[in-house]
Protein backbone atom coordinates (compact mmCIF):
# COMPACT_ATOMS: atom_id res chain seq x y z
CA MET A 1 0.03 0.00 -0.10
CA SER A 2 1.61 3.28 -0.90
CA ALA A 3 1.19 6.65 0.79
CA LEU A 4 -0.70 7.99 -2.22
CA ASN A 5 -3.22 5.54 -2.35
CA PRO A 6 -4.73 5.08 1.20
CA GLN A 7 -7.18 2.38 1.82
CA LEU A 8 -10.76 3.80 2.75
CA ASP A 9 -12.53 2.34 5.88
CA THR A 10 -15.52 1.05 4.94
CA GLN A 11 -17.29 0.18 8.29
CA PRO A 12 -20.79 1.24 8.67
CA TRP A 13 -21.28 4.11 11.19
CA TRP A 14 -22.85 2.40 13.87
CA SER A 15 -20.02 0.17 14.27
CA TYR A 16 -17.84 2.82 16.12
CA GLY A 17 -18.05 3.28 19.67
CA HIS A 18 -17.48 6.93 19.82
CA VAL A 19 -20.71 7.52 17.68
CA TRP A 20 -22.71 5.97 20.28
CA LEU A 21 -20.97 8.04 23.14
CA ILE A 22 -21.94 11.13 21.42
CA ILE A 23 -25.62 9.98 20.80
CA ALA A 24 -25.91 8.50 24.45
CA GLY A 25 -25.76 12.09 25.90
CA PRO A 26 -28.73 13.74 24.19
CA ALA A 27 -30.56 10.50 24.23
CA LEU A 28 -30.02 10.20 27.99
CA VAL A 29 -31.27 13.79 28.39
CA VAL A 30 -34.51 13.16 26.40
CA VAL A 31 -35.22 9.95 28.52
CA ALA A 32 -34.80 12.06 31.74
CA GLY A 33 -37.18 14.63 30.19
CA PHE A 34 -39.83 12.06 29.89
CA VAL A 35 -39.29 10.66 32.98
CA THR A 36 -39.73 14.16 34.81
CA LEU A 37 -42.81 14.77 32.68
CA ALA A 38 -44.29 11.39 33.94
CA ILE A 39 -43.42 12.44 37.56
CA ALA A 40 -45.16 15.90 37.03
CA ILE A 41 -48.24 14.42 35.54
CA ARG A 42 -48.68 11.78 38.28
CA ILE A 43 -47.91 13.60 41.29
CA PRO A 44 -48.67 17.49 40.83
CA ASP A 45 -47.67 20.03 43.02
CA PRO A 46 -50.28 21.13 45.56
CA VAL A 47 -52.00 24.45 45.12
CA VAL A 48 -50.92 27.12 47.45
CA ALA A 49 -53.89 28.27 49.65
CA GLN A 50 -55.20 31.81 48.83
CA ASP A 51 -54.84 33.13 52.36
CA TYR A 52 -51.39 31.74 52.67
CA TYR A 53 -50.22 35.05 54.59
CA ARG A 54 -53.05 34.83 56.91
CA GLN A 55 -52.44 31.31 57.72
CA GLY A 56 -48.71 32.07 58.21
CA LEU A 57 -49.49 34.83 60.85
CA ASN A 58 -51.84 32.42 62.67
CA ILE A 59 -49.17 29.92 62.96
CA ASN A 60 -46.88 32.94 64.34
CA LYS A 61 -49.53 33.75 66.96
CA THR A 62 -50.00 30.26 68.07
CA LEU A 63 -46.42 29.83 68.48
CA ALA A 64 -46.06 33.10 70.21
CA ASP A 65 -48.98 32.12 72.66
CA LYS A 66 -47.19 29.02 73.66
CA GLN A 67 -43.94 30.98 74.40
CA ALA A 68 -45.64 33.94 75.83
CA GLN A 69 -44.47 33.89 79.39
CA PRO A 70 -40.76 33.86 78.82
CA MET A 71 -40.94 36.09 75.94
CA MET A 72 -43.23 38.81 76.99
CA PRO A 73 -40.74 41.56 78.07
CA ALA A 74 -38.94 41.24 74.86
CA MET A 75 -42.36 41.14 72.74
CA GLN A 76 -43.51 44.30 74.54
CA ALA A 77 -40.01 46.07 73.78
CA ARG A 78 -40.09 45.02 70.25
CA ASN A 79 -43.36 46.18 69.75
CA HIS A 80 -42.78 49.45 71.44
CA VAL A 81 -39.96 50.24 69.19
CA VAL A 82 -42.57 51.09 66.30
CA THR A 83 -44.88 52.61 68.82
CA PRO A 84 -45.19 56.38 68.18
CA LYS A 85 -44.08 58.29 71.52
CA ASP A 86 -47.60 59.96 72.34
CA GLN A 87 -48.99 56.44 72.47
CA LEU A 88 -46.30 54.64 74.81
CA PRO A 89 -47.64 53.57 78.18
CA SER A 90 -46.45 56.05 80.88
CA LYS A 91 -43.69 55.03 82.91
CA THR A 92 -44.15 54.87 86.82
CA PRO A 93 -41.11 55.34 88.89
């Protein structure tokens, strides 16, 4: 065989391993997409309640009521920080 006349490789494309390696990446992504779609259809996310903010405030009130005694001075001080001066309770010496 001379350098001027190289022999052509006549194997089909599917017989090369690197071709399957290149095809495997996108094929895996497509399969993962369908799996994700199936999971999303079978198990939909729950709908957020319309009054989620009010429910959160009620939870905070419930937790505050349970811990009210040890936290009372701190809660009063925190609440009075935003209270206007004319509405503050009078201090008795």
